Amino acid sequence: MALRFEASYPEGLCPGWSVIVKGETSSNPNMFEINFLCNAGDQIAFHFNPRFSESKIVCNSFISNRWGPEEVTDTFPLKAKEPFQIEIYSDPDYFHVSIDENKILQYKHRQKQLLAITKLQVVKDIRISSMEITKRGLY
C-alpha cells in the first residue's frame, strides 16, 4: 500500500468539512483510495475506492472489525493520466462526492459518532498536486 497523504484532525472531520483532492493517476492505474478514519482502532468511516480495471467506484465502511455492504456506482469519469478534482463534503447525514464539479454519489454515514472521524488518508495509484481541507459549515 503506497501512502500518498495522511493528516490528522483531532477536532473531527465531520460534519461540515470539505476535502478537495487534485491530482492524476499513473498511465496504468489499478485503483486508489480516499479513507476517512476514526480515532479508535482501525475503523474506516468512509472508504472511497475508484477501480479503473472495473470502471466503477466502490464505497464502504470498516466498522467493528468487518466491512459493510459495498455501495457501487458505475458512473466513472476518471481516466488514466488525466487531471481530476475530487471533492468530498460531509453533512450530518451523508458524504457527498463530486468529481470535476459533478456530483456522482452520496454515501449515508454508517459511523454515527461523526466527531470520531479524525484522520484522512489517500493511498495507491495517485499523484496528488494539491489537497485542501476546509471547514465549510453546514448547508
N, C-alpha and C. Protein backbone atom coordinates (compact mmCIF):
# COMPACT_ATOMS: atom_id res chain seq x y z
N MET A 1 0.85 -1.18 0.00
CA MET A 1 0.00 0.00 0.00
C MET A 1 0.89 1.24 0.00
N ALA A 2 0.83 2.04 -1.04
CA ALA A 2 1.63 3.24 -1.14
C ALA A 2 0.85 4.43 -0.57
N LEU A 3 1.30 4.91 0.59
CA LEU A 3 0.67 6.05 1.23
C LEU A 3 1.06 7.32 0.48
N ARG A 4 0.09 8.09 0.07
CA ARG A 4 0.34 9.33 -0.67
C ARG A 4 0.10 10.57 0.19
N PHE A 5 -0.81 10.46 1.16
CA PHE A 5 -1.14 11.60 2.01
C PHE A 5 -1.84 11.08 3.25
N GLU A 6 -1.52 11.72 4.40
CA GLU A 6 -2.23 11.40 5.63
C GLU A 6 -2.21 12.63 6.52
N ALA A 7 -3.34 12.94 7.11
CA ALA A 7 -3.44 14.08 8.02
C ALA A 7 -4.40 13.75 9.14
N SER A 8 -4.10 14.25 10.33
CA SER A 8 -4.96 14.06 11.49
C SER A 8 -5.62 15.38 11.87
N TYR A 9 -6.89 15.29 12.25
CA TYR A 9 -7.67 16.43 12.70
C TYR A 9 -8.37 16.03 13.99
N PRO A 10 -7.70 16.24 15.14
CA PRO A 10 -8.24 15.76 16.42
C PRO A 10 -9.63 16.28 16.74
N GLU A 11 -10.01 17.47 16.21
CA GLU A 11 -11.33 18.02 16.50
C GLU A 11 -12.43 17.36 15.68
N GLY A 12 -12.06 16.51 14.75
CA GLY A 12 -13.03 15.78 13.93
C GLY A 12 -13.21 16.40 12.55
N LEU A 13 -13.36 15.55 11.54
CA LEU A 13 -13.51 15.99 10.15
C LEU A 13 -14.97 16.06 9.69
N CYS A 14 -15.89 15.69 10.52
CA CYS A 14 -17.30 15.65 10.10
C CYS A 14 -18.17 16.13 11.25
N PRO A 15 -19.30 16.72 10.97
CA PRO A 15 -19.78 17.18 9.68
C PRO A 15 -19.27 18.59 9.38
N GLY A 16 -19.48 19.05 8.16
CA GLY A 16 -19.20 20.41 7.77
C GLY A 16 -17.86 20.64 7.10
N TRP A 17 -17.05 19.61 6.97
CA TRP A 17 -15.74 19.75 6.35
C TRP A 17 -15.81 19.36 4.87
N SER A 18 -14.97 20.00 4.08
CA SER A 18 -14.83 19.68 2.67
C SER A 18 -13.38 19.31 2.40
N VAL A 19 -13.18 18.22 1.68
CA VAL A 19 -11.85 17.77 1.29
C VAL A 19 -11.79 17.80 -0.23
N ILE A 20 -10.82 18.52 -0.77
CA ILE A 20 -10.64 18.58 -2.22
C ILE A 20 -9.27 18.00 -2.56
N VAL A 21 -9.27 16.96 -3.37
CA VAL A 21 -8.05 16.31 -3.82
C VAL A 21 -7.90 16.60 -5.32
N LYS A 22 -6.79 17.23 -5.68
CA LYS A 22 -6.49 17.44 -7.10
C LYS A 22 -5.28 16.59 -7.43
N GLY A 23 -5.35 15.92 -8.58
CA GLY A 23 -4.23 15.09 -8.97
C GLY A 23 -4.48 14.38 -10.27
N GLU A 24 -3.69 13.36 -10.50
CA GLU A 24 -3.88 12.49 -11.65
C GLU A 24 -3.35 11.12 -11.30
N THR A 25 -3.79 10.14 -12.06
CA THR A 25 -3.33 8.77 -11.84
C THR A 25 -2.14 8.48 -12.73
N SER A 26 -1.56 7.33 -12.54
CA SER A 26 -0.45 6.90 -13.39
C SER A 26 -0.99 6.53 -14.77
N SER A 27 -0.09 6.14 -15.66
CA SER A 27 -0.52 5.77 -17.02
C SER A 27 -1.26 4.44 -17.04
N ASN A 28 -1.05 3.61 -16.05
CA ASN A 28 -1.71 2.31 -15.98
C ASN A 28 -2.23 2.08 -14.56
N PRO A 29 -3.24 2.88 -14.13
CA PRO A 29 -3.70 2.77 -12.74
C PRO A 29 -4.57 1.54 -12.51
N ASN A 30 -4.49 1.02 -11.31
CA ASN A 30 -5.38 -0.05 -10.89
C ASN A 30 -6.52 0.53 -10.07
N MET A 31 -6.15 1.23 -8.97
CA MET A 31 -7.13 1.84 -8.09
C MET A 31 -6.44 2.81 -7.16
N PHE A 32 -7.21 3.64 -6.50
CA PHE A 32 -6.72 4.41 -5.37
C PHE A 32 -7.83 4.52 -4.35
N GLU A 33 -7.47 4.99 -3.15
CA GLU A 33 -8.43 5.07 -2.05
C GLU A 33 -8.32 6.42 -1.36
N ILE A 34 -9.46 6.95 -0.96
CA ILE A 34 -9.52 8.06 -0.02
C ILE A 34 -10.30 7.53 1.17
N ASN A 35 -9.66 7.53 2.33
CA ASN A 35 -10.26 6.95 3.53
C ASN A 35 -10.41 7.99 4.63
N PHE A 36 -11.59 8.02 5.23
CA PHE A 36 -11.83 8.81 6.43
C PHE A 36 -11.79 7.84 7.60
N LEU A 37 -10.78 7.99 8.46
CA LEU A 37 -10.53 7.03 9.54
C LEU A 37 -10.97 7.58 10.89
N CYS A 38 -11.29 6.66 11.79
CA CYS A 38 -11.71 7.02 13.15
C CYS A 38 -10.52 6.94 14.09
N ASN A 39 -10.60 7.72 15.17
CA ASN A 39 -9.50 7.75 16.13
C ASN A 39 -9.43 6.49 16.98
N ALA A 40 -10.48 5.72 17.02
CA ALA A 40 -10.49 4.49 17.83
C ALA A 40 -10.25 3.28 16.93
N GLY A 41 -9.13 2.60 17.11
CA GLY A 41 -8.86 1.38 16.36
C GLY A 41 -8.63 1.63 14.89
N ASP A 42 -8.94 0.63 14.09
CA ASP A 42 -8.69 0.73 12.66
C ASP A 42 -10.00 0.87 11.87
N GLN A 43 -10.93 1.63 12.41
CA GLN A 43 -12.22 1.81 11.75
C GLN A 43 -12.10 2.80 10.59
N ILE A 44 -12.78 2.48 9.50
CA ILE A 44 -12.85 3.36 8.34
C ILE A 44 -14.30 3.80 8.20
N ALA A 45 -14.55 5.07 8.46
CA ALA A 45 -15.92 5.59 8.38
C ALA A 45 -16.38 5.70 6.93
N PHE A 46 -15.44 6.05 6.02
CA PHE A 46 -15.78 6.16 4.60
C PHE A 46 -14.58 5.76 3.77
N HIS A 47 -14.78 4.77 2.92
CA HIS A 47 -13.76 4.23 2.02
C HIS A 47 -14.24 4.51 0.61
N PHE A 48 -13.54 5.41 -0.09
CA PHE A 48 -13.87 5.80 -1.46
C PHE A 48 -12.81 5.18 -2.37
N ASN A 49 -13.23 4.27 -3.26
CA ASN A 49 -12.28 3.43 -3.98
C ASN A 49 -12.60 3.33 -5.48
N PRO A 50 -12.09 4.27 -6.30
CA PRO A 50 -12.24 4.13 -7.76
C PRO A 50 -11.38 2.96 -8.27
N ARG A 51 -12.02 2.06 -9.01
CA ARG A 51 -11.34 0.88 -9.56
C ARG A 51 -11.33 0.98 -11.08
N PHE A 52 -10.16 1.28 -11.63
CA PHE A 52 -10.04 1.52 -13.06
C PHE A 52 -10.29 0.26 -13.88
N SER A 53 -9.82 -0.88 -13.40
CA SER A 53 -9.98 -2.12 -14.17
C SER A 53 -11.45 -2.51 -14.32
N GLU A 54 -12.30 -2.06 -13.40
CA GLU A 54 -13.72 -2.39 -13.43
C GLU A 54 -14.59 -1.20 -13.84
N SER A 55 -13.97 -0.03 -14.02
CA SER A 55 -14.70 1.21 -14.35
C SER A 55 -15.87 1.45 -13.41
N LYS A 56 -15.59 1.34 -12.10
CA LYS A 56 -16.63 1.61 -11.11
C LYS A 56 -15.99 2.18 -9.85
N ILE A 57 -16.83 2.78 -9.03
CA ILE A 57 -16.39 3.33 -7.76
C ILE A 57 -17.10 2.56 -6.66
N VAL A 58 -16.31 2.04 -5.73
CA VAL A 58 -16.84 1.27 -4.61
C VAL A 58 -16.67 2.09 -3.33
N CYS A 59 -17.74 2.19 -2.55
CA CYS A 59 -17.70 2.87 -1.26
C CYS A 59 -18.13 1.87 -0.18
N ASN A 60 -17.52 2.03 1.00
CA ASN A 60 -17.83 1.11 2.08
C ASN A 60 -17.37 1.71 3.39
N SER A 61 -17.61 0.98 4.48
CA SER A 61 -17.12 1.32 5.82
C SER A 61 -16.61 0.05 6.48
N PHE A 62 -15.56 0.21 7.28
CA PHE A 62 -14.99 -0.90 8.05
C PHE A 62 -15.19 -0.56 9.52
N ILE A 63 -16.23 -1.13 10.12
CA ILE A 63 -16.61 -0.82 11.50
C ILE A 63 -16.80 -2.13 12.25
N SER A 64 -16.37 -2.15 13.50
CA SER A 64 -16.46 -3.35 14.35
C SER A 64 -15.78 -4.55 13.68
N ASN A 65 -14.60 -4.30 13.13
CA ASN A 65 -13.76 -5.34 12.53
C ASN A 65 -14.36 -6.06 11.34
N ARG A 66 -15.27 -5.38 10.61
CA ARG A 66 -15.78 -6.00 9.39
C ARG A 66 -16.26 -4.94 8.41
N TRP A 67 -16.17 -5.30 7.13
CA TRP A 67 -16.67 -4.44 6.07
C TRP A 67 -18.19 -4.55 6.00
N GLY A 68 -18.83 -3.46 5.71
CA GLY A 68 -20.27 -3.45 5.49
C GLY A 68 -20.57 -3.79 4.04
N PRO A 69 -21.83 -3.66 3.63
CA PRO A 69 -22.18 -3.91 2.23
C PRO A 69 -21.60 -2.81 1.34
N GLU A 70 -21.02 -3.22 0.22
CA GLU A 70 -20.47 -2.26 -0.73
C GLU A 70 -21.58 -1.47 -1.40
N GLU A 71 -21.31 -0.20 -1.65
CA GLU A 71 -22.17 0.62 -2.47
C GLU A 71 -21.36 0.95 -3.71
N VAL A 72 -21.90 0.63 -4.88
CA VAL A 72 -21.16 0.72 -6.14
C VAL A 72 -21.87 1.65 -7.10
N THR A 73 -21.09 2.51 -7.76
CA THR A 73 -21.64 3.32 -8.83
C THR A 73 -20.85 3.06 -10.11
N ASP A 74 -21.57 2.95 -11.19
CA ASP A 74 -20.92 2.75 -12.49
C ASP A 74 -20.58 4.07 -13.15
N THR A 75 -20.94 5.18 -12.53
CA THR A 75 -20.51 6.49 -13.03
C THR A 75 -19.01 6.58 -12.78
N PHE A 76 -18.24 6.67 -13.86
CA PHE A 76 -16.78 6.62 -13.72
C PHE A 76 -16.13 7.65 -14.65
N PRO A 77 -16.04 8.91 -14.19
CA PRO A 77 -15.50 9.96 -15.05
C PRO A 77 -13.97 10.07 -15.06
N LEU A 78 -13.28 9.18 -14.36
CA LEU A 78 -11.81 9.26 -14.27
C LEU A 78 -11.15 8.52 -15.43
N LYS A 79 -10.02 9.07 -15.88
CA LYS A 79 -9.24 8.43 -16.94
C LYS A 79 -7.78 8.46 -16.56
N ALA A 80 -7.03 7.46 -16.99
CA ALA A 80 -5.60 7.37 -16.71
C ALA A 80 -4.87 8.61 -17.22
N LYS A 81 -3.95 9.10 -16.43
CA LYS A 81 -3.06 10.23 -16.76
C LYS A 81 -3.79 11.54 -17.03
N GLU A 82 -5.06 11.65 -16.67
CA GLU A 82 -5.78 12.91 -16.85
C GLU A 82 -6.02 13.54 -15.49
N PRO A 83 -5.82 14.85 -15.39
CA PRO A 83 -6.04 15.52 -14.10
C PRO A 83 -7.51 15.48 -13.69
N PHE A 84 -7.73 15.48 -12.39
CA PHE A 84 -9.10 15.48 -11.86
C PHE A 84 -9.13 16.23 -10.55
N GLN A 85 -10.35 16.55 -10.13
CA GLN A 85 -10.58 17.14 -8.81
C GLN A 85 -11.72 16.37 -8.16
N ILE A 86 -11.46 15.84 -6.99
CA ILE A 86 -12.48 15.13 -6.21
C ILE A 86 -12.77 15.96 -4.97
N GLU A 87 -14.05 16.25 -4.75
CA GLU A 87 -14.45 16.93 -3.52
C GLU A 87 -15.36 16.00 -2.73
N ILE A 88 -15.05 15.85 -1.46
CA ILE A 88 -15.90 15.08 -0.54
C ILE A 88 -16.32 16.03 0.58
N TYR A 89 -17.61 16.23 0.68
CA TYR A 89 -18.19 17.11 1.70
C TYR A 89 -19.07 16.27 2.61
N SER A 90 -18.99 16.54 3.91
CA SER A 90 -19.79 15.79 4.87
C SER A 90 -20.82 16.70 5.53
N ASP A 91 -22.07 16.29 5.48
CA ASP A 91 -23.10 16.96 6.26
C ASP A 91 -23.50 16.01 7.40
N PRO A 92 -24.51 16.32 8.20
CA PRO A 92 -24.84 15.43 9.33
C PRO A 92 -25.29 14.03 8.92
N ASP A 93 -25.70 13.84 7.67
CA ASP A 93 -26.25 12.56 7.25
C ASP A 93 -25.43 11.81 6.20
N TYR A 94 -24.71 12.54 5.34
CA TYR A 94 -24.06 11.93 4.19
C TYR A 94 -22.67 12.49 3.92
N PHE A 95 -21.86 11.69 3.22
CA PHE A 95 -20.72 12.17 2.48
C PHE A 95 -21.22 12.42 1.06
N HIS A 96 -20.92 13.58 0.50
CA HIS A 96 -21.30 13.93 -0.87
C HIS A 96 -20.02 13.99 -1.69
N VAL A 97 -19.97 13.28 -2.81
CA VAL A 97 -18.75 13.20 -3.62
C VAL A 97 -19.01 13.78 -5.00
N SER A 98 -18.15 14.72 -5.38
CA SER A 98 -18.18 15.31 -6.72
C SER A 98 -16.83 15.09 -7.38
N ILE A 99 -16.85 14.82 -8.67
CA ILE A 99 -15.62 14.73 -9.46
C ILE A 99 -15.73 15.77 -10.55
N ASP A 100 -14.72 16.65 -10.61
CA ASP A 100 -14.70 17.75 -11.57
C ASP A 100 -16.00 18.54 -11.53
N GLU A 101 -16.45 18.83 -10.30
CA GLU A 101 -17.63 19.64 -10.00
C GLU A 101 -18.96 19.00 -10.40
N ASN A 102 -18.96 17.71 -10.71
CA ASN A 102 -20.19 16.98 -10.99
C ASN A 102 -20.45 15.99 -9.86
N LYS A 103 -21.58 16.13 -9.19
CA LYS A 103 -21.89 15.21 -8.09
C LYS A 103 -22.13 13.82 -8.65
N ILE A 104 -21.41 12.83 -8.10
CA ILE A 104 -21.57 11.47 -8.60
C ILE A 104 -22.21 10.53 -7.59
N LEU A 105 -22.13 10.86 -6.28
CA LEU A 105 -22.74 9.96 -5.31
C LEU A 105 -22.87 10.64 -3.96
N GLN A 106 -23.72 10.05 -3.14
CA GLN A 106 -23.76 10.38 -1.73
C GLN A 106 -23.80 9.07 -0.96
N TYR A 107 -23.16 9.09 0.21
CA TYR A 107 -22.98 7.88 1.00
C TYR A 107 -23.45 8.18 2.41
N LYS A 108 -24.46 7.46 2.87
CA LYS A 108 -25.01 7.68 4.20
C LYS A 108 -23.99 7.28 5.27
N HIS A 109 -23.86 8.16 6.28
CA HIS A 109 -22.93 7.86 7.37
C HIS A 109 -23.31 6.55 8.06
N ARG A 110 -22.35 5.67 8.18
CA ARG A 110 -22.54 4.44 8.97
C ARG A 110 -21.90 4.59 10.34
N GLN A 111 -20.86 5.41 10.42
CA GLN A 111 -20.24 5.75 11.71
C GLN A 111 -21.09 6.88 12.31
N LYS A 112 -21.78 6.58 13.38
CA LYS A 112 -22.71 7.56 13.95
C LYS A 112 -22.01 8.62 14.78
N GLN A 113 -20.83 8.31 15.31
CA GLN A 113 -20.04 9.26 16.09
C GLN A 113 -19.16 10.06 15.14
N LEU A 114 -19.72 11.07 14.50
CA LEU A 114 -19.01 11.80 13.45
C LEU A 114 -17.75 12.49 13.95
N LEU A 115 -17.73 12.95 15.19
CA LEU A 115 -16.53 13.60 15.71
C LEU A 115 -15.38 12.63 15.91
N ALA A 116 -15.66 11.33 15.86
CA ALA A 116 -14.60 10.32 15.96
C ALA A 116 -13.82 10.18 14.65
N ILE A 117 -14.31 10.77 13.57
CA ILE A 117 -13.62 10.71 12.28
C ILE A 117 -12.54 11.79 12.28
N THR A 118 -11.30 11.38 12.52
CA THR A 118 -10.24 12.35 12.78
C THR A 118 -9.03 12.24 11.86
N LYS A 119 -9.06 11.34 10.89
CA LYS A 119 -7.89 11.18 10.03
C LYS A 119 -8.32 11.00 8.58
N LEU A 120 -7.54 11.58 7.69
CA LEU A 120 -7.75 11.45 6.26
C LEU A 120 -6.52 10.79 5.65
N GLN A 121 -6.76 9.85 4.75
CA GLN A 121 -5.66 9.09 4.15
C GLN A 121 -5.95 8.89 2.66
N VAL A 122 -4.91 9.07 1.84
CA VAL A 122 -5.01 8.80 0.40
C VAL A 122 -3.89 7.83 0.07
N VAL A 123 -4.24 6.72 -0.59
CA VAL A 123 -3.26 5.67 -0.88
C VAL A 123 -3.38 5.16 -2.31
N LYS A 124 -2.30 4.52 -2.75
CA LYS A 124 -2.17 3.76 -4.00
C LYS A 124 -1.91 4.62 -5.23
N ASP A 125 -2.53 4.29 -6.39
CA ASP A 125 -2.13 4.79 -7.71
C ASP A 125 -2.62 6.20 -8.01
N ILE A 126 -2.07 7.18 -7.30
CA ILE A 126 -2.49 8.57 -7.50
C ILE A 126 -1.29 9.49 -7.24
N ARG A 127 -1.20 10.54 -8.05
CA ARG A 127 -0.25 11.62 -7.82
C ARG A 127 -1.07 12.84 -7.41
N ILE A 128 -0.82 13.35 -6.23
CA ILE A 128 -1.58 14.47 -5.70
C ILE A 128 -0.86 15.77 -6.06
N SER A 129 -1.58 16.69 -6.68
CA SER A 129 -0.99 18.01 -6.95
C SER A 129 -1.37 19.01 -5.87
N SER A 130 -2.55 18.83 -5.24
CA SER A 130 -2.91 19.68 -4.10
C SER A 130 -4.00 19.01 -3.27
N MET A 131 -4.03 19.38 -2.00
CA MET A 131 -5.05 18.94 -1.05
C MET A 131 -5.58 20.18 -0.36
N GLU A 132 -6.88 20.26 -0.22
CA GLU A 132 -7.49 21.37 0.51
C GLU A 132 -8.50 20.78 1.47
N ILE A 133 -8.34 21.09 2.72
CA ILE A 133 -9.25 20.60 3.75
C ILE A 133 -9.77 21.83 4.49
N THR A 134 -11.07 22.11 4.34
CA THR A 134 -11.61 23.33 4.91
C THR A 134 -12.94 23.06 5.62
N LYS A 135 -13.18 23.84 6.64
CA LYS A 135 -14.46 23.81 7.34
C LYS A 135 -15.40 24.74 6.58
N ARG A 136 -16.42 24.20 5.96
CA ARG A 136 -17.35 24.98 5.14
C ARG A 136 -18.61 25.36 5.90
N GLY A 137 -18.87 24.68 6.98
CA GLY A 137 -20.15 24.89 7.63
C GLY A 137 -21.19 24.00 6.99
N LEU A 138 -22.34 23.95 7.57
CA LEU A 138 -23.39 23.06 7.07
C LEU A 138 -24.36 23.83 6.21
N TYR A 139 -24.81 23.17 5.15
CA TYR A 139 -25.84 23.76 4.28
C TYR A 139 -26.68 22.67 3.70
